């Protein structure tokens, strides 16, 4: 991996400082009450500098979530070529989510998103916006063109749903079950197929 130059490292530190400052202020004042000026002032930069890194307050709030998606896709692309697509995606997702579980900043973000319906919706929307990117990576692993073969888009769709289902289950469990374990379970269910047998007839009264 190529090392970042001094300028790039400085930019990365500023970006990280803005994320940290934003999360600290969100915890104290709440997302809605926190202003961009407050975030910038905490890092001793101007609001103009803030907008060099982020387009909005929502953007900085979800930066770590965006980074997590990028990390999953990079880990997926790096999986051994012979692995089937769902196996490769499950391995990548579980590894990355497990890493983020130890990040206090990310855990704080999860709580922030859970408490804010607008951020919850925005996170889903931002993940969905990368749908084509996911499908292209899956198509490359399968050796097919997503424009001609619908399977990569189908896999991308169910994979995104699996991850989102794990997040919802993690919150419903009161954070008792690790999100990485729920992610693994969701992919395991997908890999066994969804054509479940019909159950016994339920008598309605």
C-alpha atoms as a PDB file:
ATOM      1  CA  UNK A   1       0.000   0.000   0.000  1.00  0.00           C
ATOM      2  CA  UNK A   2       1.388   3.397  -0.996  1.00  0.00           C
ATOM      3  CA  UNK A   3       2.127   5.673   1.933  1.00  0.00           C
ATOM      4  CA  UNK A   4       0.266   8.967   2.132  1.00  0.00           C
ATOM      5  CA  UNK A   5       2.295  12.135   1.671  1.00  0.00           C
ATOM      6  CA  UNK A   6       2.490  14.854   4.315  1.00  0.00           C
ATOM      7  CA  UNK A   7      -0.343  16.865   2.742  1.00  0.00           C
ATOM      8  CA  UNK A   8      -2.627  13.844   2.528  1.00  0.00           C
ATOM      9  CA  UNK A   9      -1.866  12.839   6.121  1.00  0.00           C
ATOM     10  CA  UNK A  10      -2.683  16.339   7.317  1.00  0.00           C
ATOM     11  CA  UNK A  11      -5.974  16.273   5.428  1.00  0.00           C
ATOM     12  CA  UNK A  12      -6.796  12.878   6.898  1.00  0.00           C
ATOM     13  CA  UNK A  13      -6.090  14.137  10.429  1.00  0.00           C
ATOM     14  CA  UNK A  14      -8.336  17.159   9.879  1.00  0.00           C
ATOM     15  CA  UNK A  15     -11.119  14.930   8.579  1.00  0.00           C
ATOM     16  CA  UNK A  16     -10.805  12.612  11.569  1.00  0.00           C
ATOM     17  CA  UNK A  17     -10.750  15.581  13.961  1.00  0.00           C
ATOM     18  CA  UNK A  18     -13.966  16.954  12.446  1.00  0.00           C
ATOM     19  CA  UNK A  19     -15.664  13.564  12.803  1.00  0.00           C
ATOM     20  CA  UNK A  20     -14.551  13.272  16.441  1.00  0.00           C
ATOM     21  CA  UNK A  21     -15.639  16.834  17.245  1.00  0.00           C
ATOM     22  CA  UNK A  22     -19.009  16.329  15.575  1.00  0.00           C
ATOM     23  CA  UNK A  23     -19.724  13.138  17.483  1.00  0.00           C
ATOM     24  CA  UNK A  24     -18.717  14.704  20.795  1.00  0.00           C
ATOM     25  CA  UNK A  25     -21.017  17.661  20.179  1.00  0.00           C
ATOM     26  CA  UNK A  26     -23.860  15.428  19.005  1.00  0.00           C
ATOM     27  CA  UNK A  27     -23.595  13.508  22.287  1.00  0.00           C
ATOM     28  CA  UNK A  28     -23.773  16.706  24.333  1.00  0.00           C
ATOM     29  CA  UNK A  29     -26.246  18.823  22.368  1.00  0.00           C
ATOM     30  CA  UNK A  30     -27.980  16.329  20.107  1.00  0.00           C
ATOM     31  CA  UNK A  31     -27.759  16.141  16.340  1.00  0.00           C
ATOM     32  CA  UNK A  32     -30.362  18.770  15.554  1.00  0.00           C
ATOM     33  CA  UNK A  33     -29.041  21.395  17.996  1.00  0.00           C
ATOM     34  CA  UNK A  34     -25.410  21.087  16.939  1.00  0.00           C
ATOM     35  CA  UNK A  35     -24.273  23.533  14.264  1.00  0.00           C
ATOM     36  CA  UNK A  36     -21.550  23.281  11.646  1.00  0.00           C
ATOM     37  CA  UNK A  37     -19.941  26.401  13.112  1.00  0.00           C
ATOM     38  CA  UNK A  38     -19.650  24.640  16.490  1.00  0.00           C
ATOM     39  CA  UNK A  39     -18.020  21.610  14.881  1.00  0.00           C
ATOM     40  CA  UNK A  40     -15.534  23.747  12.957  1.00  0.00           C
ATOM     41  CA  UNK A  41     -14.706  25.869  15.995  1.00  0.00           C
ATOM     42  CA  UNK A  42     -13.976  22.757  18.057  1.00  0.00           C
ATOM     43  CA  UNK A  43     -11.223  21.844  15.593  1.00  0.00           C
ATOM     44  CA  UNK A  44     -10.128  25.478  15.226  1.00  0.00           C
ATOM     45  CA  UNK A  45     -10.892  25.629  11.535  1.00  0.00           C
ATOM     46  CA  UNK A  46     -13.340  27.742   9.561  1.00  0.00           C
ATOM     47  CA  UNK A  47     -16.744  26.625   8.330  1.00  0.00           C
ATOM     48  CA  UNK A  48     -15.308  26.983   4.841  1.00  0.00           C
ATOM     49  CA  UNK A  49     -12.694  24.377   5.720  1.00  0.00           C
ATOM     50  CA  UNK A  50     -15.449  22.090   7.052  1.00  0.00           C
ATOM     51  CA  UNK A  51     -17.129  22.155   3.648  1.00  0.00           C
ATOM     52  CA  UNK A  52     -13.919  21.036   1.975  1.00  0.00           C
ATOM     53  CA  UNK A  53     -14.405  17.714   3.723  1.00  0.00           C
ATOM     54  CA  UNK A  54     -18.152  17.337   4.194  1.00  0.00           C
ATOM     55  CA  UNK A  55     -21.195  18.614   2.358  1.00  0.00           C
ATOM     56  CA  UNK A  56     -23.455  18.857   5.405  1.00  0.00           C
ATOM     57  CA  UNK A  57     -23.926  18.019   9.071  1.00  0.00           C
ATOM     58  CA  UNK A  58     -25.554  14.748   7.995  1.00  0.00           C
ATOM     59  CA  UNK A  59     -22.501  13.976   5.885  1.00  0.00           C
ATOM     60  CA  UNK A  60     -20.086  14.221   8.829  1.00  0.00           C
ATOM     61  CA  UNK A  61     -22.474  12.286  11.070  1.00  0.00           C
ATOM     62  CA  UNK A  62     -22.546   9.359   8.642  1.00  0.00           C
ATOM     63  CA  UNK A  63     -18.896   9.498   7.578  1.00  0.00           C
ATOM     64  CA  UNK A  64     -17.940   6.437   9.614  1.00  0.00           C
ATOM     65  CA  UNK A  65     -20.900   4.494   8.241  1.00  0.00           C
ATOM     66  CA  UNK A  66     -19.742   5.381   4.718  1.00  0.00           C
ATOM     67  CA  UNK A  67     -16.217   4.278   5.621  1.00  0.00           C
ATOM     68  CA  UNK A  68     -17.574   0.958   6.860  1.00  0.00           C
ATOM     69  CA  UNK A  69     -19.344   0.288   3.564  1.00  0.00           C
ATOM     70  CA  UNK A  70     -16.158   1.113   1.669  1.00  0.00           C
ATOM     71  CA  UNK A  71     -14.175  -1.222   3.934  1.00  0.00           C
ATOM     72  CA  UNK A  72     -16.634  -4.082   3.326  1.00  0.00           C
ATOM     73  CA  UNK A  73     -16.433  -3.645  -0.454  1.00  0.00           C
ATOM     74  CA  UNK A  74     -12.645  -3.498  -0.370  1.00  0.00           C
ATOM     75  CA  UNK A  75     -12.513  -6.617   1.804  1.00  0.00           C
ATOM     76  CA  UNK A  76     -14.943  -8.372  -0.560  1.00  0.00           C
ATOM     77  CA  UNK A  77     -12.791  -7.557  -3.587  1.00  0.00           C
ATOM     78  CA  UNK A  78      -9.737  -8.889  -1.725  1.00  0.00           C
ATOM     79  CA  UNK A  79     -11.273 -12.300  -0.965  1.00  0.00           C
ATOM     80  CA  UNK A  80      -9.728 -15.340  -2.720  1.00  0.00           C
ATOM     81  CA  UNK A  81     -10.957 -15.600  -6.308  1.00  0.00           C
ATOM     82  CA  UNK A  82     -12.370 -19.089  -5.839  1.00  0.00           C
ATOM     83  CA  UNK A  83     -14.850 -18.171  -3.090  1.00  0.00           C
ATOM     84  CA  UNK A  84     -18.538 -18.060  -4.098  1.00  0.00           C
ATOM     85  CA  UNK A  85     -20.066 -14.596  -3.976  1.00  0.00           C
ATOM     86  CA  UNK A  86     -22.174 -14.931  -0.817  1.00  0.00           C
ATOM     87  CA  UNK A  87     -19.349 -16.650   1.043  1.00  0.00           C
ATOM     88  CA  UNK A  88     -16.947 -13.878   0.047  1.00  0.00           C
ATOM     89  CA  UNK A  89     -19.443 -11.163   0.994  1.00  0.00           C
ATOM     90  CA  UNK A  90     -20.253 -12.810   4.316  1.00  0.00           C
ATOM     91  CA  UNK A  91     -16.561 -13.180   5.194  1.00  0.00           C
ATOM     92  CA  UNK A  92     -15.834  -9.562   4.276  1.00  0.00           C
ATOM     93  CA  UNK A  93     -18.866  -8.136   6.086  1.00  0.00           C
ATOM     94  CA  UNK A  94     -18.319 -10.111   9.292  1.00  0.00           C
ATOM     95  CA  UNK A  95     -14.610  -9.243   9.434  1.00  0.00           C
ATOM     96  CA  UNK A  96     -15.209  -5.525   8.932  1.00  0.00           C
ATOM     97  CA  UNK A  97     -18.190  -5.296  11.279  1.00  0.00           C
ATOM     98  CA  UNK A  98     -16.217  -7.144  13.967  1.00  0.00           C
ATOM     99  CA  UNK A  99     -13.407  -4.604  13.617  1.00  0.00           C
ATOM    100  CA  UNK A 100     -15.820  -1.680  13.911  1.00  0.00           C
ATOM    101  CA  UNK A 101     -17.439  -3.189  17.017  1.00  0.00           C
ATOM    102  CA  UNK A 102     -14.278  -2.294  18.966  1.00  0.00           C
ATOM    103  CA  UNK A 103     -14.362   1.334  17.768  1.00  0.00           C
ATOM    104  CA  UNK A 104     -15.905   3.574  20.423  1.00  0.00           C
ATOM    105  CA  UNK A 105     -16.628   6.240  17.821  1.00  0.00           C
ATOM    106  CA  UNK A 106     -18.610   3.820  15.681  1.00  0.00           C
ATOM    107  CA  UNK A 107     -20.572   2.545  18.661  1.00  0.00           C
ATOM    108  CA  UNK A 108     -21.441   6.144  19.454  1.00  0.00           C
ATOM    109  CA  UNK A 109     -22.567   6.604  15.859  1.00  0.00           C
ATOM    110  CA  UNK A 110     -24.843   3.573  16.108  1.00  0.00           C
ATOM    111  CA  UNK A 111     -26.543   5.099  19.122  1.00  0.00           C
ATOM    112  CA  UNK A 112     -26.873   8.451  17.389  1.00  0.00           C
ATOM    113  CA  UNK A 113     -28.446   6.892  14.293  1.00  0.00           C
ATOM    114  CA  UNK A 114     -30.804   4.761  16.386  1.00  0.00           C
ATOM    115  CA  UNK A 115     -32.091   7.884  18.151  1.00  0.00           C
ATOM    116  CA  UNK A 116     -32.593   9.855  14.938  1.00  0.00           C
ATOM    117  CA  UNK A 117     -35.051   8.522  12.316  1.00  0.00           C
ATOM    118  CA  UNK A 118     -33.771  10.984   9.715  1.00  0.00           C
ATOM    119  CA  UNK A 119     -30.220   9.685  10.075  1.00  0.00           C
ATOM    120  CA  UNK A 120     -31.472   6.091   9.977  1.00  0.00           C
ATOM    121  CA  UNK A 121     -33.218   6.771   6.671  1.00  0.00           C
ATOM    122  CA  UNK A 122     -30.204   8.648   5.335  1.00  0.00           C
ATOM    123  CA  UNK A 123     -27.872   5.778   6.185  1.00  0.00           C
ATOM    124  CA  UNK A 124     -30.047   3.317   4.262  1.00  0.00           C
ATOM    125  CA  UNK A 125     -30.289   5.735   1.350  1.00  0.00           C
ATOM    126  CA  UNK A 126     -26.513   6.201   1.203  1.00  0.00           C
ATOM    127  CA  UNK A 127     -25.941   2.450   1.244  1.00  0.00           C
ATOM    128  CA  UNK A 128     -28.518   1.981  -1.516  1.00  0.00           C
ATOM    129  CA  UNK A 129     -26.790   4.660  -3.591  1.00  0.00           C
ATOM    130  CA  UNK A 130     -23.806   2.296  -3.877  1.00  0.00           C
ATOM    131  CA  UNK A 131     -25.958  -0.512  -5.221  1.00  0.00           C
ATOM    132  CA  UNK A 132     -24.426  -0.350  -8.711  1.00  0.00           C
ATOM    133  CA  UNK A 133     -20.919  -0.449  -7.240  1.00  0.00           C
ATOM    134  CA  UNK A 134     -21.769  -3.578  -5.246  1.00  0.00           C
ATOM    135  CA  UNK A 135     -23.302  -5.239  -8.305  1.00  0.00           C
ATOM    136  CA  UNK A 136     -20.216  -4.489 -10.411  1.00  0.00           C
ATOM    137  CA  UNK A 137     -17.922  -6.083  -7.831  1.00  0.00           C
ATOM    138  CA  UNK A 138     -20.170  -9.140  -7.620  1.00  0.00           C
ATOM    139  CA  UNK A 139     -20.326  -9.357 -11.412  1.00  0.00           C
ATOM    140  CA  UNK A 140     -16.532  -9.225 -11.599  1.00  0.00           C
ATOM    141  CA  UNK A 141     -16.263 -12.126  -9.154  1.00  0.00           C
ATOM    142  CA  UNK A 142     -18.852 -14.135 -11.085  1.00  0.00           C
ATOM    143  CA  UNK A 143     -17.260 -13.278 -14.431  1.00  0.00           C
ATOM    144  CA  UNK A 144     -20.468 -11.805 -15.832  1.00  0.00           C
ATOM    145  CA  UNK A 145     -21.674  -8.390 -16.946  1.00  0.00           C
ATOM    146  CA  UNK A 146     -24.396  -7.013 -14.619  1.00  0.00           C
ATOM    147  CA  UNK A 147     -25.856  -5.132 -17.586  1.00  0.00           C
ATOM    148  CA  UNK A 148     -26.653  -8.442 -19.282  1.00  0.00           C
ATOM    149  CA  UNK A 149     -26.986 -10.825 -16.322  1.00  0.00           C
ATOM    150  CA  UNK A 150     -29.423  -9.899 -13.506  1.00  0.00           C
ATOM    151  CA  UNK A 151     -27.841 -12.172 -10.909  1.00  0.00           C
ATOM    152  CA  UNK A 152     -25.242  -9.689  -9.581  1.00  0.00           C
ATOM    153  CA  UNK A 153     -28.005  -7.170  -8.879  1.00  0.00           C
ATOM    154  CA  UNK A 154     -30.076  -9.856  -7.174  1.00  0.00           C
ATOM    155  CA  UNK A 155     -27.132 -10.832  -4.948  1.00  0.00           C
ATOM    156  CA  UNK A 156     -26.371  -7.154  -4.226  1.00  0.00           C
ATOM    157  CA  UNK A 157     -29.973  -6.562  -3.222  1.00  0.00           C
ATOM    158  CA  UNK A 158     -30.236  -9.498  -0.830  1.00  0.00           C
ATOM    159  CA  UNK A 159     -26.765  -8.802   0.619  1.00  0.00           C
ATOM    160  CA  UNK A 160     -27.682  -5.218   1.451  1.00  0.00           C
ATOM    161  CA  UNK A 161     -30.961  -6.420   2.965  1.00  0.00           C
ATOM    162  CA  UNK A 162     -29.087  -9.011   5.036  1.00  0.00           C
ATOM    163  CA  UNK A 163     -26.765  -6.417   6.523  1.00  0.00           C
ATOM    164  CA  UNK A 164     -29.655  -4.056   7.254  1.00  0.00           C
ATOM    165  CA  UNK A 165     -31.616  -6.895   8.850  1.00  0.00           C
ATOM    166  CA  UNK A 166     -28.654  -7.626  11.119  1.00  0.00           C
ATOM    167  CA  UNK A 167     -28.492  -3.981  12.190  1.00  0.00           C
ATOM    168  CA  UNK A 168     -32.215  -3.925  13.004  1.00  0.00           C
ATOM    169  CA  UNK A 169     -31.918  -7.174  14.958  1.00  0.00           C
ATOM    170  CA  UNK A 170     -28.879  -5.826  16.824  1.00  0.00           C
ATOM    171  CA  UNK A 171     -30.868  -2.811  17.987  1.00  0.00           C
ATOM    172  CA  UNK A 172     -33.923  -4.914  18.858  1.00  0.00           C
ATOM    173  CA  UNK A 173     -31.737  -7.172  20.992  1.00  0.00           C
ATOM    174  CA  UNK A 174     -30.700  -4.176  23.078  1.00  0.00           C
ATOM    175  CA  UNK A 175     -27.139  -4.411  21.810  1.00  0.00           C
ATOM    176  CA  UNK A 176     -26.776  -7.785  23.570  1.00  0.00           C
ATOM    177  CA  UNK A 177     -25.812  -9.789  20.477  1.00  0.00           C
ATOM    178  CA  UNK A 178     -22.740  -8.616  18.536  1.00  0.00           C
ATOM    179  CA  UNK A 179     -23.694  -7.133  15.181  1.00  0.00           C
ATOM    180  CA  UNK A 180     -20.969  -9.208  13.504  1.00  0.00           C
ATOM    181  CA  UNK A 181     -22.615 -12.426  14.723  1.00  0.00           C
ATOM    182  CA  UNK A 182     -26.040 -11.305  13.514  1.00  0.00           C
ATOM    183  CA  UNK A 183     -24.494 -10.383  10.159  1.00  0.00           C
ATOM    184  CA  UNK A 184     -22.998 -13.867   9.886  1.00  0.00           C
ATOM    185  CA  UNK A 185     -26.342 -15.456  10.754  1.00  0.00           C
ATOM    186  CA  UNK A 186     -28.147 -13.375   8.133  1.00  0.00           C
ATOM    187  CA  UNK A 187     -25.739 -14.475   5.396  1.00  0.00           C
ATOM    188  CA  UNK A 188     -25.903 -18.092   6.568  1.00  0.00           C
ATOM    189  CA  UNK A 189     -29.678 -18.001   6.174  1.00  0.00           C
ATOM    190  CA  UNK A 190     -29.312 -16.602   2.674  1.00  0.00           C
ATOM    191  CA  UNK A 191     -26.793 -19.253   1.676  1.00  0.00           C
ATOM    192  CA  UNK A 192     -29.191 -22.062   2.646  1.00  0.00           C
ATOM    193  CA  UNK A 193     -31.881 -20.677   0.351  1.00  0.00           C
ATOM    194  CA  UNK A 194     -35.195 -18.953   0.895  1.00  0.00           C
ATOM    195  CA  UNK A 195     -37.621 -21.496  -0.526  1.00  0.00           C
ATOM    196  CA  UNK A 196     -38.830 -22.559   2.894  1.00  0.00           C
ATOM    197  CA  UNK A 197     -41.394 -25.386   3.095  1.00  0.00           C
ATOM    198  CA  UNK A 198     -44.971 -24.547   3.861  1.00  0.00           C
ATOM    199  CA  UNK A 199     -45.980 -24.998   7.476  1.00  0.00           C
ATOM    200  CA  UNK A 200     -49.066 -26.622   8.884  1.00  0.00           C
ATOM    201  CA  UNK A 201     -52.342 -24.976   8.021  1.00  0.00           C
ATOM    202  CA  UNK A 202     -53.358 -22.435  10.612  1.00  0.00           C
ATOM    203  CA  UNK A 203     -57.016 -22.618  11.535  1.00  0.00           C
ATOM    204  CA  UNK A 204     -58.514 -19.175  11.692  1.00  0.00           C
ATOM    205  CA  UNK A 205     -61.377 -18.457  13.996  1.00  0.00           C
END
